[in-house]
C-alpha atoms as a PDB file:
ATOM      1  CA  MET A   1      50.271 -53.303-186.264  1.00  0.00           C
ATOM      2  CA  LEU A   2      53.213 -50.931-186.166  1.00  0.00           C
ATOM      3  CA  ASN A   3      52.360 -47.409-187.220  1.00  0.00           C
ATOM      4  CA  LYS A   4      54.456 -45.543-189.749  1.00  0.00           C
ATOM      5  CA  LYS A   5      56.500 -43.726-187.136  1.00  0.00           C
ATOM      6  CA  VAL A   6      57.473 -46.929-185.338  1.00  0.00           C
ATOM      7  CA  ALA A   7      58.271 -48.578-188.655  1.00  0.00           C
ATOM      8  CA  ALA A   8      60.573 -45.668-189.438  1.00  0.00           C
ATOM      9  CA  CYS A   9      62.302 -46.171-186.101  1.00  0.00           C
ATOM     10  CA  LEU A  10      62.877 -49.817-186.884  1.00  0.00           C
ATOM     11  CA  ALA A  11      64.416 -48.862-190.196  1.00  0.00           C
ATOM     12  CA  ALA A  12      66.649 -46.273-188.522  1.00  0.00           C
ATOM     13  CA  ALA A  13      67.973 -48.653-185.868  1.00  0.00           C
ATOM     14  CA  VAL A  14      70.554 -50.880-187.538  1.00  0.00           C
ATOM     15  CA  PHE A  15      71.134 -53.932-185.394  1.00  0.00           C
ATOM     16  CA  VAL A  16      73.882 -56.450-186.228  1.00  0.00           C
ATOM     17  CA  PHE A  17      74.160 -59.456-183.893  1.00  0.00           C
ATOM     18  CA  GLY A  18      75.697 -62.813-184.731  1.00  0.00           C
ATOM     19  CA  GLY A  19      75.277 -66.184-183.013  1.00  0.00           C
ATOM     20  CA  SER A  20      72.172 -68.176-182.247  1.00  0.00           C
ATOM     21  CA  GLY A  21      71.405 -67.615-178.553  1.00  0.00           C
ATOM     22  CA  ILE A  22      67.769 -66.524-178.464  1.00  0.00           C
ATOM     23  CA  LEU A  23      66.538 -64.417-175.564  1.00  0.00           C
ATOM     24  CA  PRO A  24      65.025 -66.793-172.987  1.00  0.00           C
ATOM     25  CA  VAL A  25      61.937 -64.944-171.765  1.00  0.00           C
ATOM     26  CA  ARG A  26      60.643 -62.213-174.031  1.00  0.00           C
ATOM     27  CA  ASP A  27      59.658 -62.699-177.615  1.00  0.00           C
ATOM     28  CA  SER A  28      62.373 -61.037-179.665  1.00  0.00           C
ATOM     29  CA  ILE A  29      63.150 -60.634-183.327  1.00  0.00           C
ATOM     30  CA  TYR A  30      66.819 -60.301-182.455  1.00  0.00           C
ATOM     31  CA  SER A  31      69.561 -62.733-181.457  1.00  0.00           C
ATOM     32  CA  VAL A  32      72.123 -62.274-178.731  1.00  0.00           C
ATOM     33  CA  SER A  33      75.709 -61.877-179.865  1.00  0.00           C
ATOM     34  CA  ALA A  34      77.830 -64.991-179.481  1.00  0.00           C
ATOM     35  CA  SER A  35      80.362 -62.882-177.595  1.00  0.00           C
ATOM     36  CA  ALA A  36      77.797 -61.629-175.071  1.00  0.00           C
ATOM     37  CA  GLU A  37      78.129 -62.716-171.455  1.00  0.00           C
ATOM     38  CA  THR A  38      75.455 -62.883-168.782  1.00  0.00           C
ATOM     39  CA  TYR A  39      75.080 -61.256-165.390  1.00  0.00           C
ATOM     40  CA  GLY A  40      71.812 -62.136-163.707  1.00  0.00           C
ATOM     41  CA  ASP A  41      69.031 -61.126-166.090  1.00  0.00           C
ATOM     42  CA  PHE A  42      71.343 -59.062-168.285  1.00  0.00           C
ATOM     43  CA  TYR A  43      73.484 -59.736-171.321  1.00  0.00           C
ATOM     44  CA  TYR A  44      76.531 -57.525-171.733  1.00  0.00           C
ATOM     45  CA  GLU A  45      79.623 -56.946-173.812  1.00  0.00           C
ATOM     46  CA  ALA A  46      82.884 -55.095-173.257  1.00  0.00           C
ATOM     47  CA  VAL A  47      83.101 -51.624-174.796  1.00  0.00           C
ATOM     48  CA  GLY A  48      85.469 -48.701-174.436  1.00  0.00           C
ATOM     49  CA  GLY A  49      85.469 -47.514-170.841  1.00  0.00           C
ATOM     50  CA  GLY A  50      83.526 -50.456-169.447  1.00  0.00           C
ATOM     51  CA  VAL A  51      80.618 -52.641-170.532  1.00  0.00           C
ATOM     52  CA  ALA A  52      77.323 -52.155-172.348  1.00  0.00           C
ATOM     53  CA  ILE A  53      74.040 -53.883-171.550  1.00  0.00           C
ATOM     54  CA  THR A  54      73.040 -55.562-174.812  1.00  0.00           C
ATOM     55  CA  ALA A  55      69.862 -57.439-173.849  1.00  0.00           C
ATOM     56  CA  TYR A  56      67.511 -58.260-170.986  1.00  0.00           C
ATOM     57  CA  GLY A  57      66.127 -61.721-170.255  1.00  0.00           C
ATOM     58  CA  GLY A  58      64.323 -61.243-166.959  1.00  0.00           C
ATOM     59  CA  ASN A  59      60.688 -61.427-165.887  1.00  0.00           C
ATOM     60  CA  GLY A  60      60.101 -57.685-166.016  1.00  0.00           C
ATOM     61  CA  GLY A  61      58.520 -55.530-163.341  1.00  0.00           C
ATOM     62  CA  LYS A  62      60.819 -52.970-161.731  1.00  0.00           C
ATOM     63  CA  VAL A  63      64.261 -53.265-163.283  1.00  0.00           C
ATOM     64  CA  SER A  64      67.445 -51.781-161.804  1.00  0.00           C
ATOM     65  CA  ILE A  65      70.401 -51.894-164.153  1.00  0.00           C
ATOM     66  CA  PRO A  66      73.678 -52.599-162.303  1.00  0.00           C
ATOM     67  CA  SER A  67      76.374 -49.923-162.216  1.00  0.00           C
ATOM     68  CA  LYS A  68      79.211 -52.457-162.400  1.00  0.00           C
ATOM     69  CA  ILE A  69      79.648 -55.917-163.837  1.00  0.00           C
ATOM     70  CA  SER A  70      82.787 -57.924-163.090  1.00  0.00           C
ATOM     71  CA  GLY A  71      84.405 -54.790-161.723  1.00  0.00           C
ATOM     72  CA  LYS A  72      83.752 -52.757-164.889  1.00  0.00           C
ATOM     73  CA  LYS A  73      81.411 -49.783-165.121  1.00  0.00           C
ATOM     74  CA  VAL A  74      78.218 -50.098-167.114  1.00  0.00           C
ATOM     75  CA  VAL A  75      78.660 -47.130-169.463  1.00  0.00           C
ATOM     76  CA  ALA A  76      76.018 -47.762-172.122  1.00  0.00           C
ATOM     77  CA  ILE A  77      72.655 -49.295-172.894  1.00  0.00           C
ATOM     78  CA  ALA A  78      73.191 -50.776-176.346  1.00  0.00           C
ATOM     79  CA  ASP A  79      70.907 -50.495-179.346  1.00  0.00           C
ATOM     80  CA  ASN A  80      67.674 -52.497-178.909  1.00  0.00           C
ATOM     81  CA  ALA A  81      68.729 -53.825-175.497  1.00  0.00           C
ATOM     82  CA  PHE A  82      65.191 -53.682-174.045  1.00  0.00           C
ATOM     83  CA  PHE A  83      63.283 -53.554-177.320  1.00  0.00           C
ATOM     84  CA  GLN A  84      59.639 -54.631-176.803  1.00  0.00           C
ATOM     85  CA  CYS A  85      60.163 -55.745-173.203  1.00  0.00           C
ATOM     86  CA  ASP A  86      56.435 -55.554-172.517  1.00  0.00           C
ATOM     87  CA  SER A  87      56.713 -56.903-168.966  1.00  0.00           C
ATOM     88  CA  VAL A  88      59.032 -54.140-167.710  1.00  0.00           C
ATOM     89  CA  THR A  89      57.129 -51.550-165.654  1.00  0.00           C
ATOM     90  CA  SER A  90      59.980 -49.251-164.588  1.00  0.00           C
ATOM     91  CA  VAL A  91      63.707 -48.883-165.166  1.00  0.00           C
ATOM     92  CA  THR A  92      66.429 -47.283-163.067  1.00  0.00           C
ATOM     93  CA  ILE A  93      69.588 -46.512-165.023  1.00  0.00           C
ATOM     94  CA  PRO A  94      72.808 -46.146-162.962  1.00  0.00           C
ATOM     95  CA  ASP A  95      74.885 -42.966-162.877  1.00  0.00           C
ATOM     96  CA  THR A  96      77.726 -44.677-164.726  1.00  0.00           C
ATOM     97  CA  VAL A  97      75.818 -44.745-168.023  1.00  0.00           C
ATOM     98  CA  VAL A  98      76.761 -42.118-170.613  1.00  0.00           C
ATOM     99  CA  THR A  99      74.895 -43.325-173.710  1.00  0.00           C
ATOM    100  CA  ILE A 100      71.444 -44.784-174.322  1.00  0.00           C
ATOM    101  CA  GLY A 101      71.466 -46.423-177.738  1.00  0.00           C
ATOM    102  CA  GLU A 102      69.062 -46.520-180.661  1.00  0.00           C
ATOM    103  CA  SER A 103      65.701 -48.154-179.883  1.00  0.00           C
ATOM    104  CA  ALA A 104      67.123 -49.210-176.510  1.00  0.00           C
ATOM    105  CA  PHE A 105      63.710 -49.154-174.787  1.00  0.00           C
ATOM    106  CA  MET A 106      61.488 -48.868-177.829  1.00  0.00           C
ATOM    107  CA  GLU A 107      57.933 -50.182-177.362  1.00  0.00           C
ATOM    108  CA  CYS A 108      58.296 -51.075-173.700  1.00  0.00           C
ATOM    109  CA  ASP A 109      54.615 -50.310-173.555  1.00  0.00           C
ATOM    110  CA  SER A 110      54.082 -51.243-169.881  1.00  0.00           C
ATOM    111  CA  MET A 111      56.883 -48.995-168.644  1.00  0.00           C
ATOM    112  CA  THR A 112      55.398 -46.122-166.637  1.00  0.00           C
ATOM    113  CA  ALA A 113      58.639 -44.602-165.315  1.00  0.00           C
ATOM    114  CA  VAL A 114      62.334 -44.419-166.113  1.00  0.00           C
ATOM    115  CA  THR A 115      65.119 -42.792-164.122  1.00  0.00           C
ATOM    116  CA  ILE A 116      67.820 -41.306-166.335  1.00  0.00           C
ATOM    117  CA  PRO A 117      70.910 -40.133-164.408  1.00  0.00           C
ATOM    118  CA  ASP A 118      72.753 -36.858-164.984  1.00  0.00           C
ATOM    119  CA  SER A 119      75.693 -38.814-166.406  1.00  0.00           C
ATOM    120  CA  VAL A 120      73.805 -39.516-169.651  1.00  0.00           C
ATOM    121  CA  ARG A 121      74.878 -37.289-172.534  1.00  0.00           C
ATOM    122  CA  THR A 122      73.189 -38.934-175.511  1.00  0.00           C
ATOM    123  CA  ILE A 123      69.734 -40.455-175.923  1.00  0.00           C
ATOM    124  CA  GLY A 124      69.692 -42.311-179.223  1.00  0.00           C
ATOM    125  CA  VAL A 125      67.329 -42.512-182.172  1.00  0.00           C
ATOM    126  CA  CYS A 126      63.932 -43.918-181.117  1.00  0.00           C
ATOM    127  CA  ALA A 127      65.386 -44.837-177.716  1.00  0.00           C
ATOM    128  CA  PHE A 128      62.009 -44.600-175.944  1.00  0.00           C
ATOM    129  CA  SER A 129      59.724 -44.451-178.971  1.00  0.00           C
ATOM    130  CA  GLY A 130      56.353 -46.109-178.482  1.00  0.00           C
ATOM    131  CA  CYS A 131      56.569 -46.327-174.682  1.00  0.00           C
ATOM    132  CA  THR A 132      52.855 -45.669-174.491  1.00  0.00           C
ATOM    133  CA  SER A 133      52.536 -45.925-170.688  1.00  0.00           C
ATOM    134  CA  LEU A 134      55.393 -43.553-169.844  1.00  0.00           C
ATOM    135  CA  LYS A 135      53.868 -40.605-167.973  1.00  0.00           C
ATOM    136  CA  SER A 136      56.770 -38.320-167.095  1.00  0.00           C
ATOM    137  CA  ILE A 137      60.434 -37.894-167.845  1.00  0.00           C
ATOM    138  CA  LYS A 138      63.228 -35.821-166.316  1.00  0.00           C
ATOM    139  CA  LEU A 139      66.078 -35.227-168.707  1.00  0.00           C
ATOM    140  CA  PRO A 140      69.617 -35.226-167.248  1.00  0.00           C
ATOM    141  CA  LYS A 141      71.480 -31.968-166.662  1.00  0.00           C
ATOM    142  CA  ASN A 142      74.550 -33.016-168.673  1.00  0.00           C
ATOM    143  CA  LEU A 143      72.523 -34.112-171.689  1.00  0.00           C
ATOM    144  CA  GLN A 144      73.870 -32.979-175.065  1.00  0.00           C
ATOM    145  CA  THR A 145      71.689 -34.716-177.650  1.00  0.00           C
ATOM    146  CA  VAL A 146      68.140 -36.031-177.785  1.00  0.00           C
ATOM    147  CA  ALA A 147      68.215 -37.830-181.109  1.00  0.00           C
ATOM    148  CA  GLU A 148      65.597 -38.203-183.811  1.00  0.00           C
ATOM    149  CA  SER A 149      62.268 -39.593-182.546  1.00  0.00           C
ATOM    150  CA  ALA A 150      63.819 -40.447-179.178  1.00  0.00           C
ATOM    151  CA  PHE A 151      60.476 -40.106-177.365  1.00  0.00           C
ATOM    152  CA  SER A 152      58.100 -40.210-180.318  1.00  0.00           C
ATOM    153  CA  ASP A 153      54.629 -41.685-179.802  1.00  0.00           C
ATOM    154  CA  CYS A 154      54.853 -41.717-176.008  1.00  0.00           C
ATOM    155  CA  THR A 155      51.149 -40.998-175.989  1.00  0.00           C
ATOM    156  CA  ALA A 156      50.670 -40.957-172.186  1.00  0.00           C
ATOM    157  CA  LEU A 157      53.587 -38.579-171.567  1.00  0.00           C
ATOM    158  CA  LYS A 158      52.296 -35.486-169.756  1.00  0.00           C
ATOM    159  CA  THR A 159      55.395 -34.005-168.129  1.00  0.00           C
ATOM    160  CA  VAL A 160      58.881 -33.416-169.510  1.00  0.00           C
ATOM    161  CA  THR A 161      61.415 -31.714-167.243  1.00  0.00           C
ATOM    162  CA  ILE A 162      64.260 -30.144-169.204  1.00  0.00           C
ATOM    163  CA  GLN A 163      67.230 -28.930-167.207  1.00  0.00           C
ATOM    164  CA  ASP A 164      69.147 -25.852-168.318  1.00  0.00           C
ATOM    165  CA  SER A 165      71.832 -27.581-170.349  1.00  0.00           C
ATOM    166  CA  ALA A 166      73.333 -27.071-173.799  1.00  0.00           C
ATOM    167  CA  VAL A 167      71.179 -29.741-175.411  1.00  0.00           C
ATOM    168  CA  THR A 168      70.061 -30.218-179.004  1.00  0.00           C
ATOM    169  CA  PHE A 169      66.638 -31.707-179.724  1.00  0.00           C
ATOM    170  CA  LYS A 170      66.778 -33.459-183.068  1.00  0.00           C
ATOM    171  CA  TYR A 171      63.840 -33.579-185.442  1.00  0.00           C
ATOM    172  CA  GLU A 172      60.659 -35.287-184.202  1.00  0.00           C
ATOM    173  CA  ALA A 173      62.254 -35.880-180.784  1.00  0.00           C
ATOM    174  CA  PHE A 174      58.877 -35.726-179.008  1.00  0.00           C
ATOM    175  CA  MET A 175      56.600 -36.081-182.002  1.00  0.00           C
ATOM    176  CA  GLY A 176      53.284 -37.817-181.382  1.00  0.00           C
ATOM    177  CA  CYS A 177      53.320 -37.140-177.626  1.00  0.00           C
ATOM    178  CA  THR A 178      49.677 -36.154-177.750  1.00  0.00           C
ATOM    179  CA  SER A 179      49.197 -35.836-173.972  1.00  0.00           C
ATOM    180  CA  LEU A 180      52.094 -33.379-173.648  1.00  0.00           C
ATOM    181  CA  LYS A 181      50.288 -30.031-173.675  1.00  0.00           C
ATOM    182  CA  THR A 182      52.894 -27.775-172.054  1.00  0.00           C
ATOM    183  CA  VAL A 183      56.677 -27.828-172.006  1.00  0.00           C
ATOM    184  CA  THR A 184      59.093 -25.404-170.342  1.00  0.00           C
ATOM    185  CA  ILE A 185      62.298 -25.014-172.345  1.00  0.00           C
ATOM    186  CA  PRO A 186      65.288 -23.306-170.663  1.00  0.00           C
ATOM    187  CA  LYS A 187      67.517 -20.607-172.139  1.00  0.00           C
ATOM    188  CA  ASN A 188      70.608 -22.689-172.822  1.00  0.00           C
ATOM    189  CA  VAL A 189      69.007 -25.198-175.182  1.00  0.00           C
ATOM    190  CA  VAL A 190      71.218 -25.053-178.287  1.00  0.00           C
ATOM    191  CA  LYS A 191      68.878 -26.167-181.059  1.00  0.00           C
ATOM    192  CA  ILE A 192      65.331 -27.376-181.648  1.00  0.00           C
ATOM    193  CA  GLU A 193      64.899 -29.109-184.983  1.00  0.00           C
ATOM    194  CA  GLU A 194      61.811 -29.627-187.122  1.00  0.00           C
ATOM    195  CA  ALA A 195      58.738 -31.026-185.329  1.00  0.00           C
ATOM    196  CA  ALA A 196      60.722 -31.748-182.164  1.00  0.00           C
ATOM    197  CA  PHE A 197      57.780 -30.661-180.011  1.00  0.00           C
ATOM    198  CA  GLY A 198      54.062 -30.118-180.507  1.00  0.00           C
ATOM    199  CA  PHE A 199      53.401 -32.197-183.603  1.00  0.00           C
ATOM    200  CA  SER A 200      51.958 -35.569-184.485  1.00  0.00           C
ATOM    201  CA  LEU A 201      52.088 -37.431-187.768  1.00  0.00           C
ATOM    202  CA  ASP A 202      48.973 -37.837-189.876  1.00  0.00           C
ATOM    203  CA  ASP A 203      47.998 -41.463-190.313  1.00  0.00           C
ATOM    204  CA  ASN A 204      47.635 -41.221-194.054  1.00  0.00           C
ATOM    205  CA  ASP A 205      49.692 -41.618-197.187  1.00  0.00           C
ATOM    206  CA  THR A 206      51.073 -38.080-197.039  1.00  0.00           C
ATOM    207  CA  ALA A 207      52.568 -38.541-193.547  1.00  0.00           C
ATOM    208  CA  SER A 208      52.275 -34.807-192.938  1.00  0.00           C
ATOM    209  CA  TYR A 209      52.632 -33.034-189.608  1.00  0.00           C
ATOM    210  CA  THR A 210      49.634 -31.956-187.542  1.00  0.00           C
ATOM    211  CA  LYS A 211      49.829 -29.623-184.569  1.00  0.00           C
ATOM    212  CA  ILE A 212      48.827 -31.097-181.225  1.00  0.00           C
ATOM    213  CA  SER A 213      45.743 -29.260-180.020  1.00  0.00           C
ATOM    214  CA  GLY A 214      46.331 -26.971-177.042  1.00  0.00           C
ATOM    215  CA  PHE A 215      50.121 -27.287-177.098  1.00  0.00           C
ATOM    216  CA  LYS A 216      52.009 -24.429-175.408  1.00  0.00           C
ATOM    217  CA  ILE A 217      55.676 -23.575-174.881  1.00  0.00           C
ATOM    218  CA  LYS A 218      56.985 -21.736-171.827  1.00  0.00           C
ATOM    219  CA  CYS A 219      60.217 -20.048-172.827  1.00  0.00           C
ATOM    220  CA  TYR A 220      62.563 -17.096-172.465  1.00  0.00           C
ATOM    221  CA  MET A 221      63.149 -14.144-174.741  1.00  0.00           C
ATOM    222  CA  ASN A 222      66.171 -14.519-177.012  1.00  0.00           C
ATOM    223  CA  SER A 223      66.059 -18.318-176.821  1.00  0.00           C
ATOM    224  CA  GLN A 224      65.776 -21.136-179.329  1.00  0.00           C
ATOM    225  CA  ALA A 225      62.455 -22.146-177.809  1.00  0.00           C
ATOM    226  CA  TYR A 226      61.058 -18.649-178.334  1.00  0.00           C
ATOM    227  CA  ILE A 227      62.061 -18.656-181.993  1.00  0.00           C
ATOM    228  CA  TYR A 228      60.645 -22.174-182.438  1.00  0.00           C
ATOM    229  CA  ALA A 229      57.324 -21.206-180.838  1.00  0.00           C
ATOM    230  CA  VAL A 230      56.935 -18.077-182.946  1.00  0.00           C
ATOM    231  CA  GLU A 231      57.970 -19.754-186.189  1.00  0.00           C
ATOM    232  CA  LYS A 232      55.602 -22.697-185.671  1.00  0.00           C
ATOM    233  CA  ARG A 233      52.803 -20.422-184.416  1.00  0.00           C
ATOM    234  CA  PHE A 234      52.436 -22.204-181.099  1.00  0.00           C
ATOM    235  CA  ALA A 235      50.950 -20.554-178.060  1.00  0.00           C
ATOM    236  CA  TYR A 236      53.779 -19.476-175.793  1.00  0.00           C
ATOM    237  CA  GLU A 237      54.407 -17.834-172.452  1.00  0.00           C
ATOM    238  CA  ILE A 238      57.407 -15.599-171.846  1.00  0.00           C
ATOM    239  CA  LEU A 239      58.961 -16.384-168.483  1.00  0.00           C
ATOM    240  CA  ASP A 240      60.929 -13.129-168.273  1.00  0.00           C
ATOM    241  CA  PRO A 241      58.625 -10.538-169.920  1.00  0.00           C
ATOM    242  CA  GLU A 242      59.940  -7.596-167.926  1.00  0.00           C
ATOM    243  CA  THR A 243      63.604  -8.176-168.693  1.00  0.00           C
ATOM    244  CA  PRO A 244      64.206  -9.277-172.286  1.00  0.00           C
ATOM    245  CA  ASP A 245      67.657 -10.737-172.717  1.00  0.00           C
ATOM    246  CA  ILE A 246      68.406  -8.704-175.806  1.00  0.00           C
ATOM    247  CA  ILE A 247      67.969  -4.936-175.983  1.00  0.00           C
ATOM    248  CA  PHE A 248      68.951  -2.746-178.900  1.00  0.00           C
ATOM    249  CA  ASP A 249      69.076   1.022-179.052  1.00  0.00           C
ATOM    250  CA  ASP A 250      66.070   2.509-180.777  1.00  0.00           C
ATOM    251  CA  GLU A 251      68.227   4.893-182.788  1.00  0.00           C
ATOM    252  CA  ASP A 252      69.899   3.744-185.991  1.00  0.00           C
ATOM    253  CA  GLU A 253      73.081   5.653-186.721  1.00  0.00           C
ATOM    254  CA  ASP A 254      74.798   6.105-190.094  1.00  0.00           C
ATOM    255  CA  ILE A 255      72.626   3.554-191.871  1.00  0.00           C
ATOM    256  CA  ASN A 256      72.071   3.716-195.605  1.00  0.00           C
ATOM    257  CA  GLU A 257      68.556   2.309-195.917  1.00  0.00           C
ATOM    258  CA  ASP A 258      69.065   1.525-199.619  1.00  0.00           C
ATOM    259  CA  GLU A 259      71.853  -0.917-198.761  1.00  0.00           C
ATOM    260  CA  LEU A 260      69.902  -2.870-196.150  1.00  0.00           C
ATOM    261  CA  MET A 261      68.138  -6.141-196.807  1.00  0.00           C
ATOM    262  CA  PRO A 262      64.484  -6.444-195.803  1.00  0.00           C
ATOM    263  CA  GLY A 263      64.509  -8.266-192.483  1.00  0.00           C
ATOM    264  CA  ASP A 264      67.671  -6.575-191.205  1.00  0.00           C
ATOM    265  CA  VAL A 265      65.596  -4.965-188.484  1.00  0.00           C
ATOM    266  CA  ASN A 266      68.425  -3.735-186.277  1.00  0.00           C
ATOM    267  CA  GLY A 267      70.518  -2.533-189.199  1.00  0.00           C
ATOM    268  CA  ASP A 268      73.659  -4.491-188.362  1.00  0.00           C
ATOM    269  CA  GLY A 269      74.197  -5.604-191.951  1.00  0.00           C
ATOM    270  CA  SER A 270      72.852  -9.144-191.638  1.00  0.00           C
ATOM    271  CA  VAL A 271      69.531 -10.899-191.161  1.00  0.00           C
ATOM    272  CA  ASN A 272      69.847 -13.176-188.137  1.00  0.00           C
ATOM    273  CA  ASN A 273      68.187 -14.398-184.944  1.00  0.00           C
ATOM    274  CA  SER A 274      68.305 -10.920-183.420  1.00  0.00           C
ATOM    275  CA  ASP A 275      65.995  -9.680-186.171  1.00  0.00           C
ATOM    276  CA  ILE A 276      63.574 -12.549-185.582  1.00  0.00           C
ATOM    277  CA  ILE A 277      63.466 -11.723-181.881  1.00  0.00           C
ATOM    278  CA  LEU A 278      62.926  -7.994-182.444  1.00  0.00           C
ATOM    279  CA  THR A 279      60.119  -8.586-184.932  1.00  0.00           C
ATOM    280  CA  ALA A 280      58.434 -11.203-182.749  1.00  0.00           C
ATOM    281  CA  ALA A 281      58.689  -8.928-179.707  1.00  0.00           C
ATOM    282  CA  ASN A 282      56.908  -6.194-181.664  1.00  0.00           C
ATOM    283  CA  VAL A 283      54.163  -8.596-182.756  1.00  0.00           C
ATOM    284  CA  LYS A 284      53.693  -9.775-179.170  1.00  0.00           C
ATOM    285  CA  GLY A 285      53.707  -6.209-177.847  1.00  0.00           C
ATOM    286  CA  VAL A 286      56.724  -6.832-175.614  1.00  0.00           C
ATOM    287  CA  ARG A 287      58.955  -4.216-177.302  1.00  0.00           C
ATOM    288  CA  MET A 288      57.732  -1.953-180.079  1.00  0.00           C
ATOM    289  CA  LEU A 289      59.851  -1.018-183.081  1.00  0.00           C
ATOM    290  CA  ASN A 290      60.441   2.517-184.269  1.00  0.00           C
ATOM    291  CA  GLU A 291      59.228   3.588-187.698  1.00  0.00           C
ATOM    292  CA  LYS A 292      62.393   2.714-189.619  1.00  0.00           C
ATOM    293  CA  ARG A 293      62.683  -0.681-188.030  1.00  0.00           C
ATOM    294  CA  ARG A 294      59.022  -1.424-188.639  1.00  0.00           C
ATOM    295  CA  ALA A 295      59.606  -0.731-192.325  1.00  0.00           C
ATOM    296  CA  ARG A 296      62.508  -3.197-192.415  1.00  0.00           C
ATOM    297  CA  ALA A 297      60.517  -5.786-190.456  1.00  0.00           C
ATOM    298  CA  ASP A 298      57.627  -5.589-192.943  1.00  0.00           C
ATOM    299  CA  VAL A 299      59.362  -7.969-195.327  1.00  0.00           C
ATOM    300  CA  ASN A 300      56.302  -8.813-197.411  1.00  0.00           C
ATOM    301  CA  GLY A 301      55.436  -5.138-197.889  1.00  0.00           C
ATOM    302  CA  ASP A 302      51.816  -5.349-196.815  1.00  0.00           C
ATOM    303  CA  GLY A 303      52.113  -2.346-194.510  1.00  0.00           C
ATOM    304  CA  LYS A 304      51.888  -4.434-191.337  1.00  0.00           C
ATOM    305  CA  VAL A 305      54.344  -6.195-189.055  1.00  0.00           C
ATOM    306  CA  ASN A 306      52.815  -9.505-188.033  1.00  0.00           C
ATOM    307  CA  ILE A 307      53.487 -13.200-187.624  1.00  0.00           C
ATOM    308  CA  THR A 308      53.896 -13.623-191.392  1.00  0.00           C
ATOM    309  CA  ASP A 309      56.950 -11.365-191.311  1.00  0.00           C
ATOM    310  CA  VAL A 310      58.410 -13.319-188.383  1.00  0.00           C
ATOM    311  CA  ILE A 311      58.036 -16.575-190.312  1.00  0.00           C
ATOM    312  CA  LEU A 312      59.587 -15.113-193.477  1.00  0.00           C
ATOM    313  CA  ILE A 313      62.583 -13.735-191.574  1.00  0.00           C
ATOM    314  CA  ALA A 314      63.030 -17.053-189.752  1.00  0.00           C
ATOM    315  CA  ALA A 315      62.901 -18.937-193.072  1.00  0.00           C
ATOM    316  CA  HIS A 316      65.646 -16.664-194.419  1.00  0.00           C
ATOM    317  CA  VAL A 317      67.838 -17.206-191.352  1.00  0.00           C
ATOM    318  CA  LYS A 318      67.452 -20.985-191.673  1.00  0.00           C
ATOM    319  CA  GLY A 319      68.215 -20.851-195.398  1.00  0.00           C
ATOM    320  CA  LYS A 320      64.817 -22.219-196.414  1.00  0.00           C
ATOM    321  CA  LYS A 321      63.564 -19.220-198.401  1.00  0.00           C
ATOM    322  CA  MET A 322      65.750 -16.208-198.953  1.00  0.00           C
ATOM    323  CA  LEU A 323      64.433 -12.672-198.736  1.00  0.00           C
ATOM    324  CA  LYS A 324      64.864 -10.310-201.671  1.00  0.00           C
ATOM    325  CA  LYS A 325      65.074  -6.567-201.850  1.00  0.00           C
ATOM    326  CA  ARG A 326      61.794  -4.990-202.788  1.00  0.00           C
END
């Protein structure tokens, strides 16, 4: 039976194929487009810049996707192309592919390995969701977007290698990856959305998030991963503890304290990521605040600067719950 997360992926992946040609080998709930052509075990269609693989009809095992078909580059793996191909054990994607579509490899539950080339820029919604035998993944260096639930419920996944690229991890990108206990996230990651790492979904009517036991983030000061780890209260390891990326003078000059918002730790007139980082660094003991800054960091007014203040400042920055002057 499909769990709630997989059912959500199916709902998210809109698949519109006409015609009546049913896939010849695997059981499929989808039809092949009447305009699709065949090349060996693959179905394909023309798209901008080349062709897209739209379906697979082979016997499984180790699958190598061709880089060219009829002289045209294979530039995409279309939505649902390998959906529920249970017999596929590994896939090599050529370095001509730029996009991996929604649910492209969803529930290929015998697939233990996949090679994703550096040419890939987008990994679509639920692209590898439910690949329960997948053990490791190396993300490409030119990657820009890992979409919602792209690797959700890959329960055997133990290693994720993220290269230092300007990538955004959409919400629940790696949710339910219960074997993934540690992830190293580079400095240049642009954004990490809600429950992208370190969470699973409760199997009950509330469908609430639960932290994965023992999960840890290795990250850099002044990075999105650092802010994510602190905000979500995950264990984390700073990879550059001796040289924080962001350093502010300890002295505040010409500041009218009455005009400052709580949470404006560095006194620059706004509450932003810099204030989160300064407060979190104080809590961790990496860089201590002076007396005035401690007072501004103590946003709940309990006389202490702790993780609660970090969370409240982060919520303000994200627009979830605004701070008010005391």
